[in-house]
Amino acid sequence: MVEPANTANIKPHPYPLLKDELDIVIPTIRNLDFLEMWRPFFQPYHLIIVQDGDPSKIIKVPEGFDYELYNRNDINRILGPKASCISFKDSACRCFGYMVSRKKYIFTIDDDCFVAQDPSGKPVNALEQHIKNILSPSTPHFFNTLYDPFREGADFVRGYPFSMREGVPTAVSHGLWLNIPDYDAPTQLVKPRERNTRYVDAVMTIPKGTLFPMCGMNLTFDRELIGPAMYFGLMGDGQPIGRYDDMWAGWCVKVICDHLGLGVKTGLPYIFHSKASNPFVNLKKEYKGIFWQEDIIPFFQNVSLPKDCTTVQKCYIELSKQVKAKLGEIDPYFNKLSDAMVTWIEAWDDLNPVGASGQVNGKV
């Protein structure tokens, strides 16, 4: 049986990696007691908490953490009319935290995720492993059969072209989960008792031209390299779909990373996903997406971005146009999503002018 790790006796590292260069973004509707388990690993870092739902509800954060907390009123105040691009009553609201951060890197995690333990029983410092992933190159153009050649104890195998061994910058580190798998509602319904107990000690680069279903509960990315594409879409309250927010961002990000010559890694680190959401509620949220994804995936597989799309913003605006032209034929929702993608980029650029640093409307 898989269980979360005990971190009670672990002391925070006196010199944590990227302490001043990384923010931890957490979407939530509840008190953040789960941070106690993560204290040895998270306490040195700055937290950005995005409160979903009723903004009058008081969210309690354990003492000793450096954090800022935003609710819907803050989002409306800071973004004004552009706040319409931020989802409500959906964990997609987390991307507001990406927008207001002033750090180079973002780690985002859900509030039902605990510290996992490796096969030896040692607690997994997920953030430390993500940082190792994001600071080492990726190899999307030629697959290394020993997975990540930049890990300690590994290297490029015989036959790997020397001209490709420098790799490319890593934009995204996608972590996995023990215990509750990240399943869709139909799979949850037919496998209600299934638990993931396999700890695979591997990290790999997702090859160029290959899409993947990105999960947002255990994710790190280089905000400077790919941040403007990390938009989790229009989901939740008032929208015909939910639970596709992170996957939408992942498809957009992967297409843009492929175009700009950036890498995406997946595998380690693991977190312990503590509770399964209601499959019947999930089915209601996913229902349209289950049908739409049969068209969405081929769309992204065939997306072509012009050579003059040399920045993430230009790529994303071009992608929004193609979403409206191609996916808008499936349902009017995609026209609305396309417009929201443009609004998101406008809001991002408003809060992140080139060369900017410091405060955002007095609250960063």
Protein backbone atom coordinates (compact mmCIF):
# COMPACT_ATOMS: atom_id res chain seq x y z
CA MET A 1 0.00 0.00 0.00
CA VAL A 2 1.28 3.48 -0.92
CA GLU A 3 1.34 6.03 1.87
CA PRO A 4 2.52 9.64 2.13
CA ALA A 5 5.89 10.29 3.68
CA ASN A 6 6.54 11.53 7.20
CA THR A 7 8.43 14.82 7.07
CA ALA A 8 8.10 15.81 10.74
CA ASN A 9 11.81 15.48 11.49
CA ILE A 10 13.18 17.08 8.32
CA LYS A 11 14.78 20.51 8.62
CA PRO A 12 14.53 23.08 5.80
CA HIS A 13 17.71 23.33 3.74
CA PRO A 14 19.73 26.40 4.80
CA TYR A 15 20.55 27.25 1.17
CA PRO A 16 17.61 26.06 -0.95
CA LEU A 17 17.98 25.99 -4.73
CA LEU A 18 16.56 29.02 -6.59
CA LYS A 19 15.13 30.49 -3.35
CA ASP A 20 14.90 33.98 -4.85
CA GLU A 21 14.04 32.87 -8.37
CA LEU A 22 11.00 30.63 -7.88
CA ASP A 23 7.41 31.12 -6.74
CA ILE A 24 5.06 28.34 -5.63
CA VAL A 25 1.50 28.83 -6.95
CA ILE A 26 -1.39 27.07 -5.19
CA PRO A 27 -5.09 27.30 -6.14
CA THR A 28 -7.44 26.53 -3.27
CA ILE A 29 -10.90 26.76 -1.73
CA ARG A 30 -9.89 25.58 1.75
CA ASN A 31 -7.44 26.10 4.60
CA LEU A 32 -3.93 25.13 3.58
CA ASP A 33 -3.14 22.65 6.35
CA PHE A 34 -1.44 20.44 3.76
CA LEU A 35 1.50 22.88 3.83
CA GLU A 36 2.59 21.47 7.19
CA MET A 37 3.78 18.31 5.46
CA TRP A 38 5.60 20.37 2.85
CA ARG A 39 7.12 22.81 5.36
CA PRO A 40 10.71 21.46 5.16
CA PHE A 41 10.69 21.91 1.39
CA PHE A 42 8.42 24.93 0.80
CA GLN A 43 9.03 27.24 3.75
CA PRO A 44 12.07 29.01 2.25
CA TYR A 45 10.11 29.96 -0.88
CA HIS A 46 7.48 32.60 -1.65
CA LEU A 47 3.92 31.30 -2.12
CA ILE A 48 1.24 32.80 -4.35
CA ILE A 49 -2.16 31.49 -3.26
CA VAL A 50 -5.11 31.96 -5.60
CA GLN A 51 -8.38 31.57 -3.72
CA ASP A 52 -11.21 30.21 -5.83
CA GLY A 53 -14.92 30.59 -5.13
CA ASP A 54 -16.38 32.88 -2.45
CA PRO A 55 -13.91 35.74 -1.85
CA SER A 56 -15.42 36.45 1.57
CA LYS A 57 -14.29 33.07 2.90
CA ILE A 58 -11.22 33.24 5.11
CA ILE A 59 -8.39 30.97 3.99
CA LYS A 60 -5.99 30.05 6.80
CA VAL A 61 -2.33 29.54 6.02
CA PRO A 62 0.01 27.91 8.59
CA GLU A 63 2.38 30.31 10.33
CA GLY A 64 5.91 30.74 9.08
CA PHE A 65 5.22 30.84 5.33
CA ASP A 66 5.97 33.85 3.14
CA TYR A 67 2.90 34.27 0.95
CA GLU A 68 0.45 36.56 -0.81
CA LEU A 69 -3.17 35.58 -1.27
CA TYR A 70 -5.43 36.71 -4.10
CA ASN A 71 -9.19 36.19 -4.31
CA ARG A 72 -11.70 37.02 -7.03
CA ASN A 73 -12.03 40.60 -5.84
CA ASP A 74 -8.27 41.07 -6.24
CA ILE A 75 -8.34 39.54 -9.71
CA ASN A 76 -11.12 41.91 -10.77
CA ARG A 77 -9.33 44.90 -9.23
CA ILE A 78 -5.98 44.17 -10.85
CA LEU A 79 -7.16 43.07 -14.30
CA GLY A 80 -10.36 45.11 -14.64
CA PRO A 81 -12.37 44.00 -17.71
CA LYS A 82 -9.60 41.58 -18.65
CA ALA A 83 -10.42 39.52 -15.54
CA SER A 84 -12.94 37.73 -17.75
CA CYS A 85 -10.11 35.50 -19.01
CA ILE A 86 -9.53 34.00 -15.54
CA SER A 87 -11.71 30.97 -14.80
CA PHE A 88 -14.04 30.97 -11.79
CA LYS A 89 -14.84 27.94 -9.62
CA ASP A 90 -12.13 25.91 -11.32
CA SER A 91 -8.48 25.27 -10.47
CA ALA A 92 -7.65 27.01 -13.77
CA CYS A 93 -7.70 30.19 -11.69
CA ARG A 94 -4.13 29.28 -10.73
CA CYS A 95 -2.78 30.85 -13.91
CA PHE A 96 -3.50 34.28 -12.40
CA GLY A 97 -0.64 33.47 -10.04
CA TYR A 98 1.63 32.88 -13.01
CA MET A 99 0.72 36.29 -14.35
CA VAL A 100 1.47 38.28 -11.19
CA SER A 101 4.65 36.43 -10.25
CA ARG A 102 7.93 38.25 -10.69
CA LYS A 103 10.13 35.17 -10.55
CA LYS A 104 11.83 33.25 -13.35
CA TYR A 105 10.39 29.88 -12.35
CA ILE A 106 6.99 28.64 -11.18
CA PHE A 107 6.14 25.45 -9.30
CA THR A 108 2.43 24.73 -8.97
CA ILE A 109 0.78 22.07 -6.83
CA ASP A 110 -2.76 21.17 -5.71
CA ASP A 111 -3.79 21.34 -2.07
CA ASP A 112 -4.64 17.62 -1.93
CA CYS A 113 -1.09 16.58 -2.80
CA PHE A 114 1.26 15.35 -0.08
CA VAL A 115 4.92 14.35 0.08
CA ALA A 116 5.53 10.97 -1.56
CA GLN A 117 8.15 8.46 -0.49
CA ASP A 118 10.51 6.64 -2.80
CA PRO A 119 10.87 2.82 -2.73
CA SER A 120 13.43 3.10 0.09
CA GLY A 121 10.96 5.03 2.24
CA LYS A 122 12.76 8.38 1.86
CA PRO A 123 10.52 11.48 1.51
CA VAL A 124 10.62 12.91 -2.01
CA ASN A 125 11.56 16.57 -2.27
CA ALA A 126 9.51 17.17 -5.40
CA LEU A 127 10.57 20.78 -5.75
CA GLU A 128 14.27 19.91 -5.67
CA GLN A 129 13.83 17.31 -8.43
CA HIS A 130 11.80 19.74 -10.56
CA ILE A 131 14.59 22.28 -10.24
CA LYS A 132 17.14 19.71 -11.37
CA ASN A 133 14.94 18.93 -14.38
CA ILE A 134 14.35 22.55 -15.35
CA LEU A 135 18.03 23.53 -15.01
CA SER A 136 19.30 20.72 -17.25
CA PRO A 137 18.84 20.60 -21.04
CA SER A 138 16.19 18.59 -22.89
CA THR A 139 16.67 16.35 -25.92
CA PRO A 140 13.46 16.55 -28.01
CA HIS A 141 15.09 15.94 -31.40
CA PHE A 142 16.61 12.50 -30.77
CA PHE A 143 15.46 10.04 -28.10
CA ASN A 144 18.05 8.74 -25.65
CA THR A 145 17.24 5.16 -24.61
CA LEU A 146 18.71 5.80 -21.16
CA TYR A 147 16.07 8.53 -20.83
CA ASP A 148 17.55 11.76 -19.46
CA PRO A 149 21.28 11.76 -20.30
CA PHE A 150 21.86 14.71 -17.96
CA ARG A 151 20.93 12.79 -14.81
CA GLU A 152 23.73 11.57 -12.54
CA GLY A 153 24.79 8.09 -13.58
CA ALA A 154 23.48 8.42 -17.15
CA ASP A 155 24.86 9.68 -20.45
CA PHE A 156 24.19 9.63 -24.17
CA VAL A 157 24.12 6.13 -25.60
CA ARG A 158 26.15 4.85 -28.53
CA GLY A 159 24.78 6.21 -31.78
CA TYR A 160 23.49 9.48 -30.35
CA PRO A 161 24.62 12.30 -32.67
CA PHE A 162 27.31 14.44 -31.06
CA SER A 163 25.88 17.53 -32.78
CA MET A 164 22.68 17.13 -30.72
CA ARG A 165 24.21 16.41 -27.32
CA GLU A 166 24.13 20.01 -26.15
CA GLY A 167 20.34 19.74 -26.01
CA VAL A 168 17.90 22.65 -25.78
CA PRO A 169 16.63 24.74 -22.84
CA THR A 170 14.01 23.00 -20.71
CA ALA A 171 10.79 25.02 -20.44
CA VAL A 172 8.60 22.55 -18.53
CA SER A 173 9.12 19.83 -15.91
CA HIS A 174 6.01 17.64 -15.59
CA GLY A 175 5.85 15.49 -12.45
CA LEU A 176 3.74 12.42 -11.69
CA TRP A 177 1.71 11.05 -8.76
CA LEU A 178 1.40 8.03 -6.53
CA ASN A 179 -1.86 6.73 -5.05
CA ILE A 180 -4.81 8.37 -6.88
CA PRO A 181 -4.12 8.32 -10.65
CA ASP A 182 -4.99 11.29 -12.83
CA TYR A 183 -7.86 9.56 -14.64
CA ASP A 184 -10.84 10.93 -16.53
CA ALA A 185 -14.35 10.22 -15.21
CA PRO A 186 -15.13 7.14 -17.38
CA THR A 187 -11.89 5.48 -16.28
CA GLN A 188 -12.57 6.43 -12.66
CA LEU A 189 -15.98 4.79 -12.89
CA VAL A 190 -14.69 1.46 -14.19
CA LYS A 191 -11.60 1.42 -11.94
CA PRO A 192 -12.78 3.03 -8.68
CA ARG A 193 -10.27 1.20 -6.49
CA GLU A 194 -7.23 1.45 -8.71
CA ARG A 195 -4.17 3.10 -7.17
CA ASN A 196 -0.82 3.90 -8.72
CA THR A 197 1.88 2.14 -6.70
CA ARG A 198 4.61 2.10 -9.38
CA TYR A 199 7.51 4.43 -8.72
CA VAL A 200 9.46 4.62 -11.97
CA ASP A 201 12.87 6.19 -11.41
CA ALA A 202 13.08 7.95 -14.75
CA VAL A 203 12.92 11.36 -16.42
CA MET A 204 12.57 11.73 -20.17
CA THR A 205 12.17 14.45 -22.76
CA ILE A 206 8.90 14.30 -24.69
CA PRO A 207 9.94 14.12 -28.36
CA LYS A 208 9.31 16.98 -30.76
CA GLY A 209 5.98 16.56 -32.53
CA THR A 210 4.49 14.49 -29.71
CA LEU A 211 1.66 15.84 -27.57
CA PHE A 212 0.97 14.79 -23.97
CA PRO A 213 -1.83 15.22 -21.40
CA MET A 214 -0.36 17.73 -18.98
CA CYS A 215 -1.47 17.54 -15.35
CA GLY A 216 -1.26 20.78 -13.39
CA MET A 217 -1.07 19.32 -9.88
CA ASN A 218 2.72 18.78 -9.91
CA LEU A 219 4.32 21.06 -12.47
CA THR A 220 7.26 23.43 -12.86
CA PHE A 221 8.04 25.75 -15.74
CA ASP A 222 10.41 28.49 -16.78
CA ARG A 223 8.17 31.53 -16.69
CA GLU A 224 10.54 33.60 -18.83
CA LEU A 225 10.72 30.94 -21.55
CA ILE A 226 7.09 29.80 -21.79
CA GLY A 227 4.99 31.68 -19.20
CA PRO A 228 2.63 33.50 -21.59
CA ALA A 229 1.52 30.14 -23.06
CA MET A 230 0.64 28.68 -19.64
CA TYR A 231 -2.96 29.81 -19.89
CA PHE A 232 -5.33 27.27 -18.39
CA GLY A 233 -8.24 28.38 -20.54
CA LEU A 234 -11.86 29.22 -19.78
CA MET A 235 -13.25 26.52 -17.51
CA GLY A 236 -15.66 26.09 -14.65
CA ASP A 237 -18.51 28.43 -13.76
CA GLY A 238 -20.35 29.71 -16.83
CA GLN A 239 -18.41 27.46 -19.23
CA PRO A 240 -19.57 24.21 -20.87
CA ILE A 241 -16.42 22.32 -19.84
CA GLY A 242 -14.10 21.71 -16.93
CA ARG A 243 -11.03 19.61 -16.04
CA TYR A 244 -9.39 20.31 -19.40
CA ASP A 245 -7.60 23.44 -18.20
CA ASP A 246 -4.14 21.96 -17.66
CA MET A 247 -4.41 19.76 -20.74
CA TRP A 248 -5.33 22.74 -22.92
CA ALA A 249 -2.30 24.61 -21.60
CA GLY A 250 -0.13 21.55 -22.18
CA TRP A 251 -1.18 21.19 -25.82
CA CYS A 252 -0.57 24.88 -26.50
CA VAL A 253 2.74 24.84 -24.65
CA LYS A 254 4.04 21.75 -26.44
CA VAL A 255 3.25 23.10 -29.90
CA ILE A 256 4.98 26.38 -29.06
CA CYS A 257 7.97 24.68 -27.42
CA ASP A 258 8.40 22.56 -30.54
CA HIS A 259 8.26 25.68 -32.70
CA LEU A 260 10.70 27.70 -30.58
CA GLY A 261 13.14 24.85 -29.93
CA LEU A 262 12.39 24.32 -26.23
CA GLY A 263 12.08 21.09 -24.27
CA VAL A 264 9.50 19.43 -22.00
CA LYS A 265 10.48 16.76 -19.48
CA THR A 266 8.20 14.28 -17.70
CA GLY A 267 8.65 11.62 -15.03
CA LEU A 268 10.20 12.34 -11.64
CA PRO A 269 9.31 13.83 -9.23
CA TYR A 270 6.33 12.05 -7.69
CA ILE A 271 3.88 13.53 -5.24
CA PHE A 272 1.24 11.65 -3.23
CA HIS A 273 -2.24 12.46 -4.56
CA SER A 274 -4.41 11.99 -1.50
CA LYS A 275 -8.03 11.94 -2.61
CA ALA A 276 -10.10 11.06 -5.66
CA SER A 277 -12.65 13.59 -6.87
CA ASN A 278 -16.24 12.48 -7.49
CA PRO A 279 -16.38 10.69 -10.88
CA PHE A 280 -20.02 11.67 -11.46
CA VAL A 281 -19.25 15.35 -10.88
CA ASN A 282 -16.19 14.96 -13.09
CA LEU A 283 -18.23 13.34 -15.85
CA LYS A 284 -20.55 16.33 -15.93
CA LYS A 285 -17.54 18.65 -16.27
CA GLU A 286 -15.74 16.52 -18.85
CA TYR A 287 -18.69 15.38 -20.94
CA LYS A 288 -18.22 17.76 -23.87
CA GLY A 289 -14.44 17.56 -23.68
CA ILE A 290 -14.50 13.80 -24.12
CA PHE A 291 -16.14 14.34 -27.52
CA TRP A 292 -14.27 17.50 -28.44
CA GLN A 293 -10.82 16.06 -27.73
CA GLU A 294 -11.20 13.75 -30.74
CA ASP A 295 -11.01 16.92 -32.87
CA ILE A 296 -8.78 18.98 -30.59
CA ILE A 297 -5.88 16.52 -30.66
CA PRO A 298 -5.70 16.30 -34.49
CA PHE A 299 -5.92 20.09 -34.56
CA PHE A 300 -2.84 20.47 -32.38
CA GLN A 301 -1.04 17.68 -34.23
CA ASN A 302 -1.43 19.65 -37.45
CA VAL A 303 -0.83 23.18 -36.17
CA SER A 304 1.82 25.05 -38.10
CA LEU A 305 3.21 28.35 -36.80
CA PRO A 306 4.81 30.86 -39.21
CA LYS A 307 8.53 31.59 -39.03
CA ASP A 308 7.84 35.17 -37.97
CA CYS A 309 6.31 33.87 -34.73
CA THR A 310 9.54 34.35 -32.79
CA THR A 311 8.13 35.01 -29.31
CA VAL A 312 5.73 33.06 -27.11
CA GLN A 313 3.20 35.89 -27.36
CA LYS A 314 3.28 35.93 -31.16
CA CYS A 315 2.93 32.15 -31.24
CA TYR A 316 0.00 32.26 -28.85
CA ILE A 317 -1.87 34.95 -30.75
CA GLU A 318 -1.40 32.99 -33.96
CA LEU A 319 -2.62 29.86 -32.18
CA SER A 320 -5.71 31.72 -30.99
CA LYS A 321 -6.54 32.64 -34.59
CA GLN A 322 -6.26 29.03 -35.69
CA VAL A 323 -8.41 27.90 -32.74
CA LYS A 324 -11.16 30.24 -33.89
CA ALA A 325 -10.82 29.26 -37.55
CA LYS A 326 -10.66 25.48 -37.04
CA LEU A 327 -12.20 24.60 -33.68
CA GLY A 328 -14.82 27.35 -33.83
CA GLU A 329 -16.63 25.16 -36.34
CA ILE A 330 -17.14 22.52 -33.63
CA ASP A 331 -18.76 24.75 -31.02
CA PRO A 332 -19.10 28.50 -30.33
CA TYR A 333 -17.23 27.91 -27.07
CA PHE A 334 -13.97 27.82 -29.02
CA ASN A 335 -14.62 31.29 -30.43
CA LYS A 336 -15.02 32.49 -26.85
CA LEU A 337 -11.88 30.62 -25.80
CA SER A 338 -9.95 32.13 -28.71
CA ASP A 339 -10.95 35.63 -27.60
CA ALA A 340 -9.96 34.79 -24.02
CA MET A 341 -6.54 33.65 -25.24
CA VAL A 342 -5.99 37.10 -26.75
CA THR A 343 -7.25 38.80 -23.60
CA TRP A 344 -4.88 36.67 -21.53
CA ILE A 345 -1.87 37.79 -23.58
CA GLU A 346 -2.97 41.42 -23.34
CA ALA A 347 -3.32 41.11 -19.57
CA TRP A 348 0.03 39.31 -19.32
CA ASP A 349 1.78 42.07 -21.25
CA ASP A 350 0.05 44.75 -19.15
CA LEU A 351 1.42 43.24 -15.95
CA ASN A 352 4.73 42.11 -17.45
CA PRO A 353 6.12 44.88 -19.64
CA VAL A 354 9.53 44.10 -21.07
CA GLY A 355 12.22 44.75 -18.49
CA ALA A 356 9.71 45.23 -15.67
CA SER A 357 10.34 44.20 -12.07
CA GLY A 358 8.86 44.93 -8.69
CA GLN A 359 5.23 45.49 -7.82
CA VAL A 360 2.03 44.86 -9.71
CA ASN A 361 -0.65 47.37 -8.68
CA GLY A 362 0.92 47.49 -5.26
CA LYS A 363 0.50 43.79 -4.51
CA VAL A 364 3.39 41.58 -5.48
